[in-house]
Amino acid sequence: MRDERIDIVAIQETMRTEFTLSELEWLSTHLFAWHWLPSSGIAGHSGGILLGVKDVTFEALLASIQALDLQADSVDLSPDE
């Protein structure tokens, strides 16, 4: 991810209940807005979703964490080509 030009990243089955700021900053050299749904632990060692949106390209308008999913609405702020 550090070497690619990624605007949005979503990772399923993180098996994590939380992330530290340093862990999230390590993933990319760009400034991302991070949201996650923690692993519930109900189904053993599964679950968890991590969503990152690059602040330079997208503005996250709505991010809501629900019982089984993570939803984000965004608007493309890149200049028209």
C-alpha atoms as a PDB file:
ATOM      1  CA  MET A   1       0.000   0.000   0.000  1.00  0.00           C
ATOM      2  CA  ARG A   2       2.899   2.369   0.667  1.00  0.00           C
ATOM      3  CA  ASP A   3       4.142   2.021  -2.945  1.00  0.00           C
ATOM      4  CA  GLU A   4       0.761   2.173  -4.717  1.00  0.00           C
ATOM      5  CA  ARG A   5      -1.557   5.095  -5.420  1.00  0.00           C
ATOM      6  CA  ILE A   6      -4.476   3.848  -3.354  1.00  0.00           C
ATOM      7  CA  ASP A   7      -7.412   6.120  -2.437  1.00  0.00           C
ATOM      8  CA  ILE A   8      -9.605   3.640  -0.559  1.00  0.00           C
ATOM      9  CA  VAL A   9      -8.677   0.451   1.243  1.00  0.00           C
ATOM     10  CA  ALA A  10     -10.971  -2.043   2.977  1.00  0.00           C
ATOM     11  CA  ILE A  11      -9.719  -5.089   4.824  1.00  0.00           C
ATOM     12  CA  GLN A  12     -12.082  -7.816   6.013  1.00  0.00           C
ATOM     13  CA  GLU A  13     -11.506 -10.402   8.728  1.00  0.00           C
ATOM     14  CA  THR A  14      -8.956  -8.278  10.589  1.00  0.00           C
ATOM     15  CA  MET A  15      -9.524 -10.343  13.759  1.00  0.00           C
ATOM     16  CA  ARG A  16      -8.735  -7.128  15.700  1.00  0.00           C
ATOM     17  CA  THR A  17     -10.776  -5.233  18.258  1.00  0.00           C
ATOM     18  CA  GLU A  18      -8.700  -2.041  17.924  1.00  0.00           C
ATOM     19  CA  PHE A  19      -5.802  -0.405  16.079  1.00  0.00           C
ATOM     20  CA  THR A  20      -3.220   2.069  17.345  1.00  0.00           C
ATOM     21  CA  LEU A  21      -2.531   5.307  15.498  1.00  0.00           C
ATOM     22  CA  SER A  22       1.036   4.201  14.783  1.00  0.00           C
ATOM     23  CA  GLU A  23      -0.218   0.947  13.200  1.00  0.00           C
ATOM     24  CA  LEU A  24      -2.549   2.875  10.895  1.00  0.00           C
ATOM     25  CA  GLU A  25       0.088   5.482   9.994  1.00  0.00           C
ATOM     26  CA  TRP A  26       2.524   2.677   9.110  1.00  0.00           C
ATOM     27  CA  LEU A  27       0.162   1.407   6.403  1.00  0.00           C
ATOM     28  CA  SER A  28       0.528   4.472   4.189  1.00  0.00           C
ATOM     29  CA  THR A  29       2.622   7.596   3.776  1.00  0.00           C
ATOM     30  CA  HIS A  30      -0.587   9.534   2.928  1.00  0.00           C
ATOM     31  CA  LEU A  31      -3.111  10.906   5.398  1.00  0.00           C
ATOM     32  CA  PHE A  32      -6.079   8.531   5.632  1.00  0.00           C
ATOM     33  CA  ALA A  33      -9.300   8.745   7.618  1.00  0.00           C
ATOM     34  CA  TRP A  34      -9.660   5.348   9.290  1.00  0.00           C
ATOM     35  CA  HIS A  35     -12.832   3.641  10.495  1.00  0.00           C
ATOM     36  CA  TRP A  36     -13.220   0.105  11.752  1.00  0.00           C
ATOM     37  CA  LEU A  37     -15.732  -2.385  13.010  1.00  0.00           C
ATOM     38  CA  PRO A  38     -14.057  -4.476  15.698  1.00  0.00           C
ATOM     39  CA  SER A  39     -14.039  -8.247  15.656  1.00  0.00           C
ATOM     40  CA  SER A  40     -16.917  -9.412  17.839  1.00  0.00           C
ATOM     41  CA  GLY A  41     -15.313 -12.655  18.931  1.00  0.00           C
ATOM     42  CA  ILE A  42     -18.705 -14.371  18.653  1.00  0.00           C
ATOM     43  CA  ALA A  43     -17.581 -16.544  15.729  1.00  0.00           C
ATOM     44  CA  GLY A  44     -14.210 -17.466  17.180  1.00  0.00           C
ATOM     45  CA  HIS A  45     -11.235 -15.582  15.749  1.00  0.00           C
ATOM     46  CA  SER A  46     -13.011 -13.937  12.841  1.00  0.00           C
ATOM     47  CA  GLY A  47     -14.642 -10.680  11.923  1.00  0.00           C
ATOM     48  CA  GLY A  48     -13.526  -7.097  11.920  1.00  0.00           C
ATOM     49  CA  ILE A  49     -13.432  -4.610   9.054  1.00  0.00           C
ATOM     50  CA  LEU A  50     -10.917  -1.801   8.522  1.00  0.00           C
ATOM     51  CA  LEU A  51     -11.730   1.031   6.090  1.00  0.00           C
ATOM     52  CA  GLY A  52      -9.293   3.774   5.092  1.00  0.00           C
ATOM     53  CA  VAL A  53     -10.103   6.753   2.844  1.00  0.00           C
ATOM     54  CA  LYS A  54      -7.337   9.072   1.592  1.00  0.00           C
ATOM     55  CA  ASP A  55      -8.141  12.582   2.828  1.00  0.00           C
ATOM     56  CA  VAL A  56      -6.536  14.295  -0.183  1.00  0.00           C
ATOM     57  CA  THR A  57      -8.839  12.631  -2.709  1.00  0.00           C
ATOM     58  CA  PHE A  58     -12.041  11.916  -0.825  1.00  0.00           C
ATOM     59  CA  GLU A  59     -13.999  13.521   1.963  1.00  0.00           C
ATOM     60  CA  ALA A  60     -15.879  11.004   4.061  1.00  0.00           C
ATOM     61  CA  LEU A  61     -19.415  12.363   4.410  1.00  0.00           C
ATOM     62  CA  LEU A  62     -20.922   9.566   6.434  1.00  0.00           C
ATOM     63  CA  ALA A  63     -19.340   6.669   8.263  1.00  0.00           C
ATOM     64  CA  SER A  64     -21.622   4.556  10.373  1.00  0.00           C
ATOM     65  CA  ILE A  65     -20.730   1.450  12.270  1.00  0.00           C
ATOM     66  CA  GLN A  66     -23.584  -1.007  12.556  1.00  0.00           C
ATOM     67  CA  ALA A  67     -23.800  -4.445  14.105  1.00  0.00           C
ATOM     68  CA  LEU A  68     -22.438  -6.392  11.129  1.00  0.00           C
ATOM     69  CA  ASP A  69     -21.109  -3.888   8.640  1.00  0.00           C
ATOM     70  CA  LEU A  70     -19.205  -0.661   8.143  1.00  0.00           C
ATOM     71  CA  GLN A  71     -20.671   1.843   5.692  1.00  0.00           C
ATOM     72  CA  ALA A  72     -19.114   5.011   4.308  1.00  0.00           C
ATOM     73  CA  ASP A  73     -20.436   7.487   1.755  1.00  0.00           C
ATOM     74  CA  SER A  74     -17.906   9.733   0.036  1.00  0.00           C
ATOM     75  CA  VAL A  75     -17.602  12.397  -2.638  1.00  0.00           C
ATOM     76  CA  ASP A  76     -14.802  12.454  -5.225  1.00  0.00           C
ATOM     77  CA  LEU A  77     -12.894  15.738  -4.801  1.00  0.00           C
ATOM     78  CA  SER A  78     -10.318  15.132  -7.529  1.00  0.00           C
ATOM     79  CA  PRO A  79     -10.248  17.695 -10.360  1.00  0.00           C
ATOM     80  CA  ASP A  80     -12.060  16.800 -13.576  1.00  0.00           C
ATOM     81  CA  GLU A  81      -9.750  15.620 -16.321  1.00  0.00           C
END
